[in-house]
Amino acid sequence: MASDKELADFLAGVERRAFKQTVYTVRDDDAALDIVQDAMIKLAEKYGDRPSSELPLLFQRILQNATHDYFRRQKVRNTWVSLFSSFGNADDDEFDPLETFESEDGAAGSESSENKLEREQVLNLIDAEIQKLPARQREAFLMRYWEDMDVAETAAAMGCSEGSVKTHCSRATHTLAQALKAKGITL
């Protein structure tokens, strides 16, 4: 059974990555924050008594389900808005492109402005290319390489086979490598 401290430590450790992963998926900071908070609350309320080793997979599944629920609600909401849009002359609000996060300042004081700008530009390009990946590839890529989950854990969280996870990750890394190489970035 996970203690309150273990649960709090887990949630604190996964919070930022879960938020960024959800922002990639929904492309809305406010909605992503709500989704992550709801997932964290549900984990604490319903599964807080589970062993701490089960928390990462449970949280990923809850986060996925909350994200899917968000898209279902958006689909219904958009259907109604489009049906009634002909009645009014409302302004169309297009969402802003995903704003990327600044990287954490490790040794920012010793880093030159030129290097910092170059690093930020490369990170922005990588973020933009990750956003362009198909949803399942992006999901597998982020879980495997961002969340550092193994193939079995990722397959369980995504509800697919391990072979599918490997395929999605392979396709995602090849697509990212080609896109970044075309822009002159080699990692």
C-alpha atoms as a PDB file:
ATOM      1  CA  MET A   1       0.000   0.000   0.000  1.00  0.00           C
ATOM      2  CA  ALA A   2       1.298   3.423  -0.936  1.00  0.00           C
ATOM      3  CA  SER A   3       1.717   5.829   1.943  1.00  0.00           C
ATOM      4  CA  ASP A   4       0.500   9.400   1.699  1.00  0.00           C
ATOM      5  CA  LYS A   5       4.085  10.553   1.243  1.00  0.00           C
ATOM      6  CA  GLU A   6       4.710   8.030  -1.559  1.00  0.00           C
ATOM      7  CA  LEU A   7       1.527   9.128  -3.318  1.00  0.00           C
ATOM      8  CA  ALA A   8       2.418  12.812  -2.914  1.00  0.00           C
ATOM      9  CA  ASP A   9       5.971  12.199  -4.151  1.00  0.00           C
ATOM     10  CA  PHE A  10       4.678  10.270  -7.160  1.00  0.00           C
ATOM     11  CA  LEU A  11       2.206  13.007  -8.083  1.00  0.00           C
ATOM     12  CA  ALA A  12       4.825  15.720  -7.660  1.00  0.00           C
ATOM     13  CA  GLY A  13       7.247  13.797  -9.848  1.00  0.00           C
ATOM     14  CA  VAL A  14       4.795  13.112 -12.654  1.00  0.00           C
ATOM     15  CA  GLU A  15       2.935  16.437 -12.678  1.00  0.00           C
ATOM     16  CA  ARG A  16       5.052  18.439 -15.133  1.00  0.00           C
ATOM     17  CA  ARG A  17       5.565  15.606 -17.602  1.00  0.00           C
ATOM     18  CA  ALA A  18       1.882  14.683 -17.532  1.00  0.00           C
ATOM     19  CA  PHE A  19       0.950  18.304 -18.172  1.00  0.00           C
ATOM     20  CA  LYS A  20       3.289  18.617 -21.135  1.00  0.00           C
ATOM     21  CA  GLN A  21       2.140  15.271 -22.545  1.00  0.00           C
ATOM     22  CA  THR A  22      -1.483  16.388 -22.265  1.00  0.00           C
ATOM     23  CA  VAL A  23      -0.742  19.785 -23.817  1.00  0.00           C
ATOM     24  CA  TYR A  24       0.743  17.954 -26.813  1.00  0.00           C
ATOM     25  CA  THR A  25      -2.464  15.996 -27.116  1.00  0.00           C
ATOM     26  CA  VAL A  26      -5.174  18.625 -26.538  1.00  0.00           C
ATOM     27  CA  ARG A  27      -3.207  21.717 -27.617  1.00  0.00           C
ATOM     28  CA  ASP A  28      -4.813  23.862 -24.907  1.00  0.00           C
ATOM     29  CA  ASP A  29      -2.937  24.748 -21.714  1.00  0.00           C
ATOM     30  CA  ASP A  30      -6.038  25.346 -19.595  1.00  0.00           C
ATOM     31  CA  ALA A  31      -7.765  22.161 -20.689  1.00  0.00           C
ATOM     32  CA  ALA A  32      -4.546  20.177 -20.179  1.00  0.00           C
ATOM     33  CA  LEU A  33      -4.189  21.529 -16.650  1.00  0.00           C
ATOM     34  CA  ASP A  34      -7.787  20.557 -15.855  1.00  0.00           C
ATOM     35  CA  ILE A  35      -7.315  17.074 -17.289  1.00  0.00           C
ATOM     36  CA  VAL A  36      -4.115  16.442 -15.334  1.00  0.00           C
ATOM     37  CA  GLN A  37      -5.620  17.761 -12.106  1.00  0.00           C
ATOM     38  CA  ASP A  38      -8.719  15.597 -12.541  1.00  0.00           C
ATOM     39  CA  ALA A  39      -6.547  12.542 -13.211  1.00  0.00           C
ATOM     40  CA  MET A  40      -4.423  13.243 -10.140  1.00  0.00           C
ATOM     41  CA  ILE A  41      -7.489  13.671  -7.932  1.00  0.00           C
ATOM     42  CA  LYS A  42      -9.069  10.474  -9.249  1.00  0.00           C
ATOM     43  CA  LEU A  43      -5.837   8.551  -8.650  1.00  0.00           C
ATOM     44  CA  ALA A  44      -5.604   9.838  -5.089  1.00  0.00           C
ATOM     45  CA  GLU A  45      -9.274   9.243  -4.271  1.00  0.00           C
ATOM     46  CA  LYS A  46      -9.871   5.885  -5.926  1.00  0.00           C
ATOM     47  CA  TYR A  47      -6.452   4.232  -6.088  1.00  0.00           C
ATOM     48  CA  GLY A  48      -4.406   5.856  -3.336  1.00  0.00           C
ATOM     49  CA  ASP A  49      -4.480   2.621  -1.362  1.00  0.00           C
ATOM     50  CA  ARG A  50      -2.737   0.628  -4.131  1.00  0.00           C
ATOM     51  CA  PRO A  51       0.938  -0.306  -3.956  1.00  0.00           C
ATOM     52  CA  SER A  52       3.249   2.449  -5.164  1.00  0.00           C
ATOM     53  CA  SER A  53       4.547   0.212  -7.963  1.00  0.00           C
ATOM     54  CA  GLU A  54       1.074   0.239  -9.576  1.00  0.00           C
ATOM     55  CA  LEU A  55       0.677   4.033  -9.517  1.00  0.00           C
ATOM     56  CA  PRO A  56       2.474   4.887 -12.810  1.00  0.00           C
ATOM     57  CA  LEU A  57       0.355   2.579 -14.963  1.00  0.00           C
ATOM     58  CA  LEU A  58      -2.859   3.493 -13.166  1.00  0.00           C
ATOM     59  CA  PHE A  59      -2.121   7.181 -13.571  1.00  0.00           C
ATOM     60  CA  GLN A  60      -1.333   6.829 -17.284  1.00  0.00           C
ATOM     61  CA  ARG A  61      -4.596   4.956 -17.874  1.00  0.00           C
ATOM     62  CA  ILE A  62      -6.605   7.523 -15.901  1.00  0.00           C
ATOM     63  CA  LEU A  63      -4.894  10.360 -17.789  1.00  0.00           C
ATOM     64  CA  GLN A  64      -5.640   8.703 -21.131  1.00  0.00           C
ATOM     65  CA  ASN A  65      -9.282   8.175 -20.232  1.00  0.00           C
ATOM     66  CA  ALA A  66      -9.627  11.767 -19.044  1.00  0.00           C
ATOM     67  CA  THR A  67      -8.105  12.988 -22.318  1.00  0.00           C
ATOM     68  CA  HIS A  68     -10.480  10.815 -24.356  1.00  0.00           C
ATOM     69  CA  ASP A  69     -13.403  12.171 -22.313  1.00  0.00           C
ATOM     70  CA  TYR A  70     -12.249  15.710 -23.091  1.00  0.00           C
ATOM     71  CA  PHE A  71     -12.262  14.989 -26.827  1.00  0.00           C
ATOM     72  CA  ARG A  72     -15.709  13.395 -26.600  1.00  0.00           C
ATOM     73  CA  ARG A  73     -17.062  16.477 -24.823  1.00  0.00           C
ATOM     74  CA  GLN A  74     -15.405  18.741 -27.391  1.00  0.00           C
ATOM     75  CA  LYS A  75     -16.944  16.783 -30.241  1.00  0.00           C
ATOM     76  CA  VAL A  76     -20.443  17.155 -28.788  1.00  0.00           C
ATOM     77  CA  ARG A  77     -19.848  20.811 -27.947  1.00  0.00           C
ATOM     78  CA  ASN A  78     -18.492  21.566 -31.423  1.00  0.00           C
ATOM     79  CA  THR A  79     -21.488  19.853 -33.029  1.00  0.00           C
ATOM     80  CA  TRP A  80     -23.880  22.106 -31.150  1.00  0.00           C
ATOM     81  CA  VAL A  81     -21.809  25.214 -31.797  1.00  0.00           C
ATOM     82  CA  SER A  82     -21.673  24.502 -35.517  1.00  0.00           C
ATOM     83  CA  LEU A  83     -25.408  23.858 -35.611  1.00  0.00           C
ATOM     84  CA  PHE A  84     -26.191  27.163 -33.949  1.00  0.00           C
ATOM     85  CA  SER A  85     -23.404  29.229 -35.501  1.00  0.00           C
ATOM     86  CA  SER A  86     -25.566  30.204 -38.453  1.00  0.00           C
ATOM     87  CA  PHE A  87     -27.969  32.000 -36.115  1.00  0.00           C
ATOM     88  CA  GLY A  88     -25.452  34.498 -34.799  1.00  0.00           C
ATOM     89  CA  ASN A  89     -22.509  36.470 -36.070  1.00  0.00           C
ATOM     90  CA  ALA A  90     -20.018  35.371 -33.473  1.00  0.00           C
ATOM     91  CA  ASP A  91     -16.308  35.980 -33.848  1.00  0.00           C
ATOM     92  CA  ASP A  92     -14.342  32.846 -34.666  1.00  0.00           C
ATOM     93  CA  ASP A  93     -11.698  32.257 -32.047  1.00  0.00           C
ATOM     94  CA  GLU A  94      -8.939  30.050 -33.377  1.00  0.00           C
ATOM     95  CA  PHE A  95      -6.708  28.513 -30.776  1.00  0.00           C
ATOM     96  CA  ASP A  96      -3.160  29.750 -30.559  1.00  0.00           C
ATOM     97  CA  PRO A  97      -0.375  27.352 -31.505  1.00  0.00           C
ATOM     98  CA  LEU A  98       1.038  25.422 -28.643  1.00  0.00           C
ATOM     99  CA  GLU A  99       3.416  27.564 -26.679  1.00  0.00           C
ATOM    100  CA  THR A 100       6.485  25.653 -25.683  1.00  0.00           C
ATOM    101  CA  PHE A 101       7.941  25.604 -22.246  1.00  0.00           C
ATOM    102  CA  GLU A 102      11.191  27.183 -21.369  1.00  0.00           C
ATOM    103  CA  SER A 103      13.724  24.628 -20.376  1.00  0.00           C
ATOM    104  CA  GLU A 104      14.768  24.519 -16.782  1.00  0.00           C
ATOM    105  CA  ASP A 105      17.714  26.732 -15.964  1.00  0.00           C
ATOM    106  CA  GLY A 106      20.451  24.326 -15.015  1.00  0.00           C
ATOM    107  CA  ALA A 107      23.559  26.397 -15.609  1.00  0.00           C
ATOM    108  CA  ALA A 108      21.905  29.372 -17.281  1.00  0.00           C
ATOM    109  CA  GLY A 109      24.356  31.808 -15.718  1.00  0.00           C
ATOM    110  CA  SER A 110      27.316  30.226 -17.472  1.00  0.00           C
ATOM    111  CA  GLU A 111      25.491  29.758 -20.781  1.00  0.00           C
ATOM    112  CA  SER A 112      25.973  32.423 -23.423  1.00  0.00           C
ATOM    113  CA  SER A 113      22.965  34.181 -24.898  1.00  0.00           C
ATOM    114  CA  GLU A 114      23.765  32.757 -28.312  1.00  0.00           C
ATOM    115  CA  ASN A 115      23.848  29.182 -26.982  1.00  0.00           C
ATOM    116  CA  LYS A 116      20.685  29.714 -24.991  1.00  0.00           C
ATOM    117  CA  LEU A 117      18.857  31.101 -28.036  1.00  0.00           C
ATOM    118  CA  GLU A 118      20.096  28.248 -30.225  1.00  0.00           C
ATOM    119  CA  ARG A 119      19.022  25.655 -27.638  1.00  0.00           C
ATOM    120  CA  GLU A 120      15.573  27.239 -27.306  1.00  0.00           C
ATOM    121  CA  GLN A 121      15.138  27.284 -31.077  1.00  0.00           C
ATOM    122  CA  VAL A 122      16.084  23.610 -31.338  1.00  0.00           C
ATOM    123  CA  LEU A 123      13.704  22.708 -28.503  1.00  0.00           C
ATOM    124  CA  ASN A 124      10.915  24.655 -30.213  1.00  0.00           C
ATOM    125  CA  LEU A 125      11.557  22.799 -33.465  1.00  0.00           C
ATOM    126  CA  ILE A 126      11.521  19.439 -31.673  1.00  0.00           C
ATOM    127  CA  ASP A 127       8.284  20.355 -29.878  1.00  0.00           C
ATOM    128  CA  ALA A 128       6.690  21.399 -33.161  1.00  0.00           C
ATOM    129  CA  GLU A 129       7.679  18.136 -34.840  1.00  0.00           C
ATOM    130  CA  ILE A 130       6.374  16.053 -31.925  1.00  0.00           C
ATOM    131  CA  GLN A 131       3.038  17.870 -32.250  1.00  0.00           C
ATOM    132  CA  LYS A 132       2.826  16.829 -35.905  1.00  0.00           C
ATOM    133  CA  LEU A 133       3.076  13.117 -35.111  1.00  0.00           C
ATOM    134  CA  PRO A 134      -0.112  11.041 -35.350  1.00  0.00           C
ATOM    135  CA  ALA A 135      -1.812  10.682 -31.968  1.00  0.00           C
ATOM    136  CA  ARG A 136      -0.896   7.035 -31.272  1.00  0.00           C
ATOM    137  CA  GLN A 137       2.727   7.536 -32.348  1.00  0.00           C
ATOM    138  CA  ARG A 138       3.012  10.658 -30.188  1.00  0.00           C
ATOM    139  CA  GLU A 139       1.429   8.855 -27.246  1.00  0.00           C
ATOM    140  CA  ALA A 140       3.768   5.851 -27.516  1.00  0.00           C
ATOM    141  CA  PHE A 141       6.817   8.069 -28.097  1.00  0.00           C
ATOM    142  CA  LEU A 142       6.104  10.255 -25.055  1.00  0.00           C
ATOM    143  CA  MET A 143       5.397   7.313 -22.768  1.00  0.00           C
ATOM    144  CA  ARG A 144       8.505   5.392 -23.833  1.00  0.00           C
ATOM    145  CA  TYR A 145      11.030   8.189 -24.079  1.00  0.00           C
ATOM    146  CA  TRP A 146       9.601  10.944 -21.918  1.00  0.00           C
ATOM    147  CA  GLU A 147       7.926   8.931 -19.160  1.00  0.00           C
ATOM    148  CA  ASP A 148      10.688   6.286 -19.441  1.00  0.00           C
ATOM    149  CA  MET A 149       8.138   3.463 -19.380  1.00  0.00           C
ATOM    150  CA  ASP A 150       9.137   0.083 -20.763  1.00  0.00           C
ATOM    151  CA  VAL A 151       7.362  -1.561 -23.701  1.00  0.00           C
ATOM    152  CA  ALA A 152       5.087  -3.718 -21.536  1.00  0.00           C
ATOM    153  CA  GLU A 153       4.006  -0.783 -19.364  1.00  0.00           C
ATOM    154  CA  THR A 154       3.357   1.382 -22.415  1.00  0.00           C
ATOM    155  CA  ALA A 155       1.334  -1.388 -24.083  1.00  0.00           C
ATOM    156  CA  ALA A 156      -0.756  -1.829 -20.946  1.00  0.00           C
ATOM    157  CA  ALA A 157      -1.345   1.922 -20.632  1.00  0.00           C
ATOM    158  CA  MET A 158      -2.252   2.299 -24.310  1.00  0.00           C
ATOM    159  CA  GLY A 159      -4.382  -0.840 -24.406  1.00  0.00           C
ATOM    160  CA  CYS A 160      -2.494  -2.395 -27.324  1.00  0.00           C
ATOM    161  CA  SER A 161       0.125  -5.071 -27.971  1.00  0.00           C
ATOM    162  CA  GLU A 162       3.823  -4.643 -27.306  1.00  0.00           C
ATOM    163  CA  GLY A 163       4.445  -5.003 -31.035  1.00  0.00           C
ATOM    164  CA  SER A 164       2.162  -2.044 -31.717  1.00  0.00           C
ATOM    165  CA  VAL A 165       4.080   0.056 -29.198  1.00  0.00           C
ATOM    166  CA  LYS A 166       7.373  -0.838 -30.890  1.00  0.00           C
ATOM    167  CA  THR A 167       5.927   0.000 -34.304  1.00  0.00           C
ATOM    168  CA  HIS A 168       4.512   3.342 -33.142  1.00  0.00           C
ATOM    169  CA  CYS A 169       7.804   4.288 -31.455  1.00  0.00           C
ATOM    170  CA  SER A 170       9.869   3.265 -34.454  1.00  0.00           C
ATOM    171  CA  ARG A 171       7.720   5.242 -36.849  1.00  0.00           C
ATOM    172  CA  ALA A 172       7.734   8.258 -34.539  1.00  0.00           C
ATOM    173  CA  THR A 173      11.517   8.295 -34.133  1.00  0.00           C
ATOM    174  CA  HIS A 174      12.096   7.875 -37.875  1.00  0.00           C
ATOM    175  CA  THR A 175       9.625  10.648 -38.695  1.00  0.00           C
ATOM    176  CA  LEU A 176      11.192  12.965 -36.112  1.00  0.00           C
ATOM    177  CA  ALA A 177      14.716  12.183 -37.284  1.00  0.00           C
ATOM    178  CA  GLN A 178      13.847  12.868 -40.916  1.00  0.00           C
ATOM    179  CA  ALA A 179      11.979  16.098 -40.114  1.00  0.00           C
ATOM    180  CA  LEU A 180      14.775  17.410 -37.913  1.00  0.00           C
ATOM    181  CA  LYS A 181      17.488  16.352 -40.372  1.00  0.00           C
ATOM    182  CA  ALA A 182      15.629  18.250 -43.117  1.00  0.00           C
ATOM    183  CA  LYS A 183      15.883  21.340 -40.908  1.00  0.00           C
ATOM    184  CA  GLY A 184      19.595  20.833 -40.338  1.00  0.00           C
ATOM    185  CA  ILE A 185      19.370  19.416 -36.814  1.00  0.00           C
ATOM    186  CA  THR A 186      21.290  16.266 -36.009  1.00  0.00           C
ATOM    187  CA  LEU A 187      21.136  14.907 -32.496  1.00  0.00           C
END
